[in-house]
Amino acid sequence: MSLCQCAAAATLLLVGALQPEQQAREGSCEVPPSIPSHHAFAKRVLEAMLFGPESFLAGEEEDEDEEEEDDEQVEATLERWLDLERATVLHSLTRGPPHSPILTKFHLLFLVSTSARVMREAVRLLAAARPQPPEVTSF
């Protein structure tokens, strides 16, 4: 699946289309009426996938009973990660010109415009969209 197809599938998922991955692969995108906030959120999800912390995007399993308690902890962890990532990127910029100025520009725009709450919602959406492993039945 190409990057454009992934972006199309994420956008289709956010706007509530049926079978977004299949539609993106086939190129038959039947999109419901546009809601501007969905497009902004799709962009945030894609930025989180590209620039976000790998440990959160890997999809650690969560217990639903502890979800409310974990929200504050997850948000605090993401806030610390954002602060560290901002400092790391700024430090690398002071050492010399970036290897990829365009990618660095978008990375900086992401770091400036995002918050831990927005990233938590993006991670939650990605976790909900991830297919569940099939149940194994033993006899």
N, C-alpha and C. Protein backbone atom coordinates (compact mmCIF):
# COMPACT_ATOMS: atom_id res chain seq x y z
N MET A 1 0.86 -1.17 0.00
CA MET A 1 0.00 0.00 0.00
C MET A 1 0.91 1.24 0.00
N SER A 2 0.66 2.18 -0.90
CA SER A 2 1.49 3.36 -1.01
C SER A 2 1.14 4.38 0.07
N LEU A 3 1.99 5.39 0.24
CA LEU A 3 1.74 6.44 1.22
C LEU A 3 0.46 7.20 0.90
N CYS A 4 0.22 7.45 -0.38
CA CYS A 4 -1.02 8.13 -0.78
C CYS A 4 -2.25 7.29 -0.46
N GLN A 5 -2.15 5.99 -0.66
CA GLN A 5 -3.26 5.11 -0.33
C GLN A 5 -3.50 5.07 1.18
N CYS A 6 -2.41 5.11 1.97
CA CYS A 6 -2.55 5.15 3.43
C CYS A 6 -3.24 6.44 3.86
N ALA A 7 -2.85 7.56 3.25
CA ALA A 7 -3.47 8.84 3.56
C ALA A 7 -4.95 8.82 3.18
N ALA A 8 -5.25 8.24 2.03
CA ALA A 8 -6.65 8.14 1.60
C ALA A 8 -7.44 7.25 2.54
N ALA A 9 -6.86 6.14 2.97
CA ALA A 9 -7.56 5.24 3.90
C ALA A 9 -7.79 5.92 5.24
N ALA A 10 -6.79 6.66 5.74
CA ALA A 10 -6.97 7.36 7.01
C ALA A 10 -8.05 8.42 6.91
N THR A 11 -8.06 9.14 5.81
CA THR A 11 -9.09 10.16 5.61
C THR A 11 -10.47 9.53 5.49
N LEU A 12 -10.57 8.44 4.75
CA LEU A 12 -11.84 7.74 4.62
C LEU A 12 -12.32 7.19 5.96
N LEU A 13 -11.40 6.69 6.75
CA LEU A 13 -11.75 6.19 8.08
C LEU A 13 -12.31 7.30 8.95
N LEU A 14 -11.68 8.46 8.89
CA LEU A 14 -12.11 9.59 9.72
C LEU A 14 -13.44 10.17 9.29
N VAL A 15 -13.77 10.08 8.02
CA VAL A 15 -15.04 10.64 7.56
C VAL A 15 -16.16 9.60 7.59
N GLY A 16 -15.86 8.41 8.08
CA GLY A 16 -16.90 7.42 8.28
C GLY A 16 -17.24 6.57 7.08
N ALA A 17 -16.35 6.43 6.14
CA ALA A 17 -16.62 5.60 4.96
C ALA A 17 -16.54 4.13 5.34
N LEU A 18 -17.27 3.30 4.62
CA LEU A 18 -17.23 1.87 4.84
C LEU A 18 -16.04 1.27 4.10
N GLN A 19 -15.32 0.37 4.74
CA GLN A 19 -14.16 -0.32 4.19
C GLN A 19 -13.14 0.65 3.59
N PRO A 20 -12.54 1.53 4.41
CA PRO A 20 -11.64 2.55 3.87
C PRO A 20 -10.39 1.98 3.21
N GLU A 21 -9.82 0.90 3.76
CA GLU A 21 -8.60 0.33 3.17
C GLU A 21 -8.87 -0.21 1.77
N GLN A 22 -9.97 -0.95 1.64
CA GLN A 22 -10.31 -1.52 0.34
C GLN A 22 -10.60 -0.42 -0.68
N GLN A 23 -11.34 0.61 -0.27
CA GLN A 23 -11.64 1.72 -1.18
C GLN A 23 -10.37 2.43 -1.62
N ALA A 24 -9.43 2.62 -0.69
CA ALA A 24 -8.19 3.31 -1.03
C ALA A 24 -7.35 2.49 -2.01
N ARG A 25 -7.31 1.18 -1.79
CA ARG A 25 -6.54 0.31 -2.70
C ARG A 25 -7.14 0.29 -4.10
N GLU A 26 -8.48 0.23 -4.17
CA GLU A 26 -9.16 0.15 -5.45
C GLU A 26 -9.29 1.50 -6.14
N GLY A 27 -9.16 2.57 -5.37
CA GLY A 27 -9.30 3.91 -5.93
C GLY A 27 -10.75 4.34 -6.10
N SER A 28 -11.66 3.58 -5.51
CA SER A 28 -13.09 3.93 -5.59
C SER A 28 -13.51 4.58 -4.28
N CYS A 29 -13.17 5.83 -4.15
CA CYS A 29 -13.43 6.54 -2.90
C CYS A 29 -14.80 7.19 -2.91
N GLU A 30 -15.70 6.62 -2.13
CA GLU A 30 -17.02 7.21 -1.96
C GLU A 30 -17.02 7.90 -0.61
N VAL A 31 -16.82 9.20 -0.62
CA VAL A 31 -16.66 9.96 0.60
C VAL A 31 -17.98 10.60 1.00
N PRO A 32 -18.36 10.46 2.27
CA PRO A 32 -19.55 11.16 2.76
C PRO A 32 -19.33 12.67 2.70
N PRO A 33 -20.36 13.48 2.94
CA PRO A 33 -20.20 14.93 2.90
C PRO A 33 -19.03 15.40 3.78
N SER A 34 -18.32 16.40 3.28
CA SER A 34 -17.11 16.88 3.93
C SER A 34 -17.42 17.68 5.19
N ILE A 35 -16.66 17.39 6.24
CA ILE A 35 -16.71 18.16 7.48
C ILE A 35 -15.28 18.65 7.73
N PRO A 36 -15.04 19.97 7.73
CA PRO A 36 -13.67 20.48 7.82
C PRO A 36 -12.88 19.95 9.02
N SER A 37 -13.53 19.75 10.15
CA SER A 37 -12.79 19.28 11.32
C SER A 37 -12.24 17.87 11.11
N HIS A 38 -12.91 17.05 10.30
CA HIS A 38 -12.41 15.71 10.02
C HIS A 38 -11.11 15.77 9.23
N HIS A 39 -11.02 16.71 8.29
CA HIS A 39 -9.80 16.82 7.50
C HIS A 39 -8.62 17.28 8.36
N ALA A 40 -8.88 18.19 9.27
CA ALA A 40 -7.82 18.66 10.17
C ALA A 40 -7.37 17.51 11.08
N PHE A 41 -8.33 16.72 11.56
CA PHE A 41 -7.96 15.60 12.42
C PHE A 41 -7.22 14.52 11.64
N ALA A 42 -7.61 14.30 10.39
CA ALA A 42 -6.89 13.33 9.55
C ALA A 42 -5.44 13.77 9.38
N LYS A 43 -5.22 15.05 9.20
CA LYS A 43 -3.85 15.57 9.07
C LYS A 43 -3.09 15.33 10.36
N ARG A 44 -3.73 15.56 11.50
CA ARG A 44 -3.06 15.34 12.79
C ARG A 44 -2.70 13.87 12.99
N VAL A 45 -3.59 12.98 12.58
CA VAL A 45 -3.31 11.55 12.71
C VAL A 45 -2.13 11.16 11.83
N LEU A 46 -2.11 11.64 10.60
CA LEU A 46 -0.99 11.33 9.70
C LEU A 46 0.32 11.89 10.23
N GLU A 47 0.28 13.11 10.79
CA GLU A 47 1.49 13.68 11.38
C GLU A 47 1.95 12.87 12.59
N ALA A 48 1.01 12.40 13.39
CA ALA A 48 1.37 11.58 14.54
C ALA A 48 1.99 10.26 14.09
N MET A 49 1.46 9.70 13.00
CA MET A 49 2.04 8.47 12.46
C MET A 49 3.45 8.70 11.95
N LEU A 50 3.68 9.85 11.34
CA LEU A 50 4.99 10.14 10.75
C LEU A 50 6.01 10.58 11.80
N PHE A 51 5.60 11.47 12.70
CA PHE A 51 6.55 12.09 13.62
C PHE A 51 6.39 11.65 15.07
N GLY A 52 5.32 10.96 15.40
CA GLY A 52 5.01 10.62 16.79
C GLY A 52 5.92 9.56 17.37
N PRO A 53 5.79 9.33 18.68
CA PRO A 53 6.63 8.32 19.34
C PRO A 53 6.25 6.91 18.90
N GLU A 54 7.25 6.14 18.56
CA GLU A 54 7.00 4.80 18.03
C GLU A 54 6.36 3.88 19.06
N SER A 55 6.70 4.05 20.33
CA SER A 55 6.16 3.14 21.35
C SER A 55 4.65 3.27 21.46
N PHE A 56 4.10 4.47 21.29
CA PHE A 56 2.65 4.64 21.37
C PHE A 56 1.98 4.17 20.09
N LEU A 57 2.65 4.33 18.98
CA LEU A 57 2.05 3.96 17.71
C LEU A 57 2.16 2.47 17.43
N ALA A 58 2.99 1.76 18.23
CA ALA A 58 3.15 0.32 18.04
C ALA A 58 1.91 -0.43 18.47
N GLY A 59 1.09 0.18 19.34
CA GLY A 59 -0.19 -0.42 19.70
C GLY A 59 -0.13 -1.35 20.88
N GLU A 60 0.32 -0.83 22.01
CA GLU A 60 0.30 -1.62 23.23
C GLU A 60 -1.15 -1.83 23.64
N GLU A 61 -1.47 -3.03 24.08
CA GLU A 61 -2.84 -3.35 24.49
C GLU A 61 -3.17 -2.65 25.80
N GLU A 62 -4.38 -2.11 25.89
CA GLU A 62 -4.82 -1.43 27.10
C GLU A 62 -6.04 -2.12 27.66
N ASP A 63 -6.16 -2.10 28.97
CA ASP A 63 -7.33 -2.62 29.64
C ASP A 63 -8.36 -1.51 29.73
N GLU A 64 -9.58 -1.77 29.30
CA GLU A 64 -10.59 -0.71 29.25
C GLU A 64 -10.97 -0.21 30.63
N ASP A 65 -10.84 -1.04 31.68
CA ASP A 65 -11.19 -0.59 33.03
C ASP A 65 -10.23 0.48 33.52
N GLU A 66 -9.00 0.44 33.09
CA GLU A 66 -7.99 1.39 33.54
C GLU A 66 -7.83 2.56 32.58
N GLU A 67 -8.70 2.66 31.58
CA GLU A 67 -8.54 3.67 30.53
C GLU A 67 -8.61 5.09 31.08
N GLU A 68 -9.56 5.37 31.97
CA GLU A 68 -9.69 6.73 32.50
C GLU A 68 -8.47 7.12 33.34
N GLU A 69 -7.98 6.18 34.15
CA GLU A 69 -6.81 6.46 34.97
C GLU A 69 -5.58 6.65 34.10
N ASP A 70 -5.49 5.88 33.02
CA ASP A 70 -4.33 5.94 32.15
C ASP A 70 -4.31 7.19 31.28
N ASP A 71 -5.47 7.79 31.01
CA ASP A 71 -5.51 8.98 30.15
C ASP A 71 -4.59 10.08 30.66
N GLU A 72 -4.64 10.34 31.95
CA GLU A 72 -3.77 11.38 32.51
C GLU A 72 -2.31 10.98 32.42
N GLN A 73 -2.03 9.71 32.69
CA GLN A 73 -0.65 9.24 32.62
C GLN A 73 -0.13 9.27 31.18
N VAL A 74 -0.95 8.84 30.24
CA VAL A 74 -0.57 8.85 28.82
C VAL A 74 -0.33 10.28 28.36
N GLU A 75 -1.23 11.18 28.74
CA GLU A 75 -1.07 12.58 28.34
C GLU A 75 0.19 13.19 28.93
N ALA A 76 0.51 12.87 30.19
CA ALA A 76 1.74 13.37 30.81
C ALA A 76 2.97 12.81 30.10
N THR A 77 2.92 11.53 29.74
CA THR A 77 4.04 10.92 29.02
C THR A 77 4.22 11.56 27.66
N LEU A 78 3.11 11.79 26.95
CA LEU A 78 3.20 12.44 25.64
C LEU A 78 3.71 13.88 25.76
N GLU A 79 3.32 14.57 26.80
CA GLU A 79 3.80 15.95 27.01
C GLU A 79 5.32 15.95 27.23
N ARG A 80 5.81 15.00 28.03
CA ARG A 80 7.27 14.89 28.24
C ARG A 80 7.97 14.56 26.93
N TRP A 81 7.38 13.64 26.14
CA TRP A 81 7.98 13.28 24.86
C TRP A 81 8.03 14.49 23.94
N LEU A 82 6.94 15.26 23.89
CA LEU A 82 6.91 16.46 23.04
C LEU A 82 7.99 17.45 23.46
N ASP A 83 8.13 17.69 24.76
CA ASP A 83 9.15 18.62 25.24
C ASP A 83 10.54 18.14 24.85
N LEU A 84 10.80 16.84 25.04
CA LEU A 84 12.11 16.29 24.69
C LEU A 84 12.35 16.35 23.19
N GLU A 85 11.33 16.03 22.40
CA GLU A 85 11.47 16.05 20.94
C GLU A 85 11.72 17.47 20.43
N ARG A 86 11.01 18.44 21.00
CA ARG A 86 11.23 19.85 20.62
C ARG A 86 12.65 20.27 20.93
N ALA A 87 13.14 19.90 22.11
CA ALA A 87 14.51 20.26 22.49
C ALA A 87 15.53 19.57 21.59
N THR A 88 15.28 18.32 21.26
CA THR A 88 16.20 17.57 20.40
C THR A 88 16.29 18.17 19.01
N VAL A 89 15.13 18.52 18.44
CA VAL A 89 15.12 19.09 17.10
C VAL A 89 15.78 20.46 17.10
N LEU A 90 15.49 21.28 18.09
CA LEU A 90 16.14 22.60 18.16
C LEU A 90 17.64 22.47 18.35
N HIS A 91 18.07 21.51 19.16
CA HIS A 91 19.50 21.29 19.36
C HIS A 91 20.17 20.87 18.05
N SER A 92 19.50 19.99 17.29
CA SER A 92 20.09 19.55 16.02
C SER A 92 20.17 20.71 15.02
N LEU A 93 19.22 21.64 15.10
CA LEU A 93 19.26 22.80 14.20
C LEU A 93 20.40 23.75 14.55
N THR A 94 20.75 23.83 15.82
CA THR A 94 21.85 24.71 16.22
C THR A 94 23.21 24.12 15.84
N ARG A 95 23.27 22.81 15.62
CA ARG A 95 24.53 22.17 15.26
C ARG A 95 24.88 22.33 13.79
N GLY A 96 23.90 22.63 12.96
CA GLY A 96 24.18 22.79 11.54
C GLY A 96 22.91 22.69 10.72
N PRO A 97 23.05 22.85 9.41
CA PRO A 97 21.86 22.78 8.54
C PRO A 97 21.29 21.36 8.54
N PRO A 98 19.97 21.26 8.45
CA PRO A 98 19.34 19.93 8.45
C PRO A 98 19.63 19.17 7.16
N HIS A 99 19.57 17.84 7.27
CA HIS A 99 19.80 16.98 6.09
C HIS A 99 18.65 17.11 5.10
N SER A 100 17.45 17.26 5.61
CA SER A 100 16.26 17.38 4.78
C SER A 100 15.46 18.59 5.26
N PRO A 101 15.71 19.76 4.65
CA PRO A 101 15.04 20.98 5.15
C PRO A 101 13.52 20.92 5.09
N ILE A 102 12.97 20.27 4.08
CA ILE A 102 11.51 20.21 3.96
C ILE A 102 10.92 19.32 5.05
N LEU A 103 11.51 18.15 5.27
CA LEU A 103 11.03 17.26 6.32
C LEU A 103 11.19 17.92 7.69
N THR A 104 12.31 18.60 7.90
CA THR A 104 12.53 19.29 9.16
C THR A 104 11.50 20.39 9.37
N LYS A 105 11.15 21.09 8.31
CA LYS A 105 10.13 22.14 8.41
C LYS A 105 8.80 21.56 8.87
N PHE A 106 8.38 20.45 8.26
CA PHE A 106 7.10 19.84 8.63
C PHE A 106 7.17 19.23 10.03
N HIS A 107 8.33 18.70 10.40
CA HIS A 107 8.51 18.17 11.74
C HIS A 107 8.37 19.30 12.77
N LEU A 108 9.00 20.43 12.51
CA LEU A 108 8.87 21.57 13.42
C LEU A 108 7.44 22.10 13.49
N LEU A 109 6.78 22.18 12.35
CA LEU A 109 5.37 22.61 12.35
C LEU A 109 4.51 21.67 13.17
N PHE A 110 4.77 20.38 13.07
CA PHE A 110 4.04 19.40 13.87
C PHE A 110 4.30 19.63 15.36
N LEU A 111 5.57 19.78 15.73
CA LEU A 111 5.91 19.94 17.14
C LEU A 111 5.34 21.22 17.73
N VAL A 112 5.26 22.27 16.94
CA VAL A 112 4.73 23.54 17.42
C VAL A 112 3.21 23.51 17.53
N SER A 113 2.55 22.85 16.58
CA SER A 113 1.10 22.94 16.53
C SER A 113 0.37 21.85 17.31
N THR A 114 1.06 20.79 17.71
CA THR A 114 0.37 19.70 18.39
C THR A 114 0.44 19.84 19.90
N SER A 115 -0.40 19.06 20.56
CA SER A 115 -0.40 19.01 22.02
C SER A 115 -0.53 17.55 22.43
N ALA A 116 -0.31 17.29 23.70
CA ALA A 116 -0.42 15.92 24.19
C ALA A 116 -1.84 15.40 24.05
N ARG A 117 -2.84 16.25 24.25
CA ARG A 117 -4.24 15.84 24.13
C ARG A 117 -4.55 15.41 22.69
N VAL A 118 -4.09 16.20 21.73
CA VAL A 118 -4.33 15.88 20.31
C VAL A 118 -3.64 14.57 19.95
N MET A 119 -2.42 14.38 20.42
CA MET A 119 -1.70 13.15 20.12
C MET A 119 -2.37 11.95 20.78
N ARG A 120 -2.88 12.13 22.00
CA ARG A 120 -3.58 11.04 22.68
C ARG A 120 -4.81 10.61 21.88
N GLU A 121 -5.56 11.58 21.36
CA GLU A 121 -6.73 11.25 20.55
C GLU A 121 -6.33 10.55 19.25
N ALA A 122 -5.24 10.97 18.64
CA ALA A 122 -4.77 10.33 17.41
C ALA A 122 -4.34 8.89 17.68
N VAL A 123 -3.64 8.68 18.79
CA VAL A 123 -3.20 7.33 19.15
C VAL A 123 -4.41 6.45 19.45
N ARG A 124 -5.41 7.01 20.13
CA ARG A 124 -6.63 6.27 20.44
C ARG A 124 -7.35 5.86 19.14
N LEU A 125 -7.43 6.78 18.18
CA LEU A 125 -8.08 6.47 16.91
C LEU A 125 -7.32 5.38 16.16
N LEU A 126 -6.00 5.48 16.15
CA LEU A 126 -5.20 4.46 15.47
C LEU A 126 -5.35 3.10 16.13
N ALA A 127 -5.43 3.08 17.46
CA ALA A 127 -5.61 1.81 18.18
C ALA A 127 -6.98 1.21 17.87
N ALA A 128 -8.00 2.05 17.76
CA ALA A 128 -9.34 1.56 17.46
C ALA A 128 -9.43 1.02 16.03
N ALA A 129 -8.65 1.58 15.13
CA ALA A 129 -8.70 1.17 13.73
C ALA A 129 -7.85 -0.07 13.45
N ARG A 130 -6.98 -0.43 14.38
CA ARG A 130 -6.10 -1.57 14.19
C ARG A 130 -6.92 -2.86 14.26
N PRO A 131 -6.72 -3.75 13.29
CA PRO A 131 -7.48 -5.00 13.32
C PRO A 131 -7.08 -5.85 14.52
N GLN A 132 -8.06 -6.48 15.14
CA GLN A 132 -7.82 -7.33 16.29
C GLN A 132 -7.35 -8.70 15.81
N PRO A 133 -6.42 -9.33 16.55
CA PRO A 133 -5.98 -10.67 16.15
C PRO A 133 -7.13 -11.67 16.30
N PRO A 134 -7.18 -12.66 15.44
CA PRO A 134 -8.27 -13.64 15.52
C PRO A 134 -8.15 -14.46 16.80
N GLU A 135 -9.31 -14.86 17.34
CA GLU A 135 -9.32 -15.68 18.54
C GLU A 135 -8.95 -17.11 18.16
N VAL A 136 -8.14 -17.73 19.00
CA VAL A 136 -7.72 -19.10 18.77
C VAL A 136 -8.53 -20.00 19.70
N THR A 137 -9.18 -20.97 19.12
CA THR A 137 -9.98 -21.90 19.90
C THR A 137 -9.26 -23.23 19.96
N SER A 138 -9.13 -23.74 21.17
CA SER A 138 -8.48 -25.05 21.30
C SER A 138 -9.53 -26.08 21.72
N PHE A 139 -9.33 -27.28 21.29
CA PHE A 139 -10.27 -28.36 21.59
C PHE A 139 -9.64 -29.35 22.53
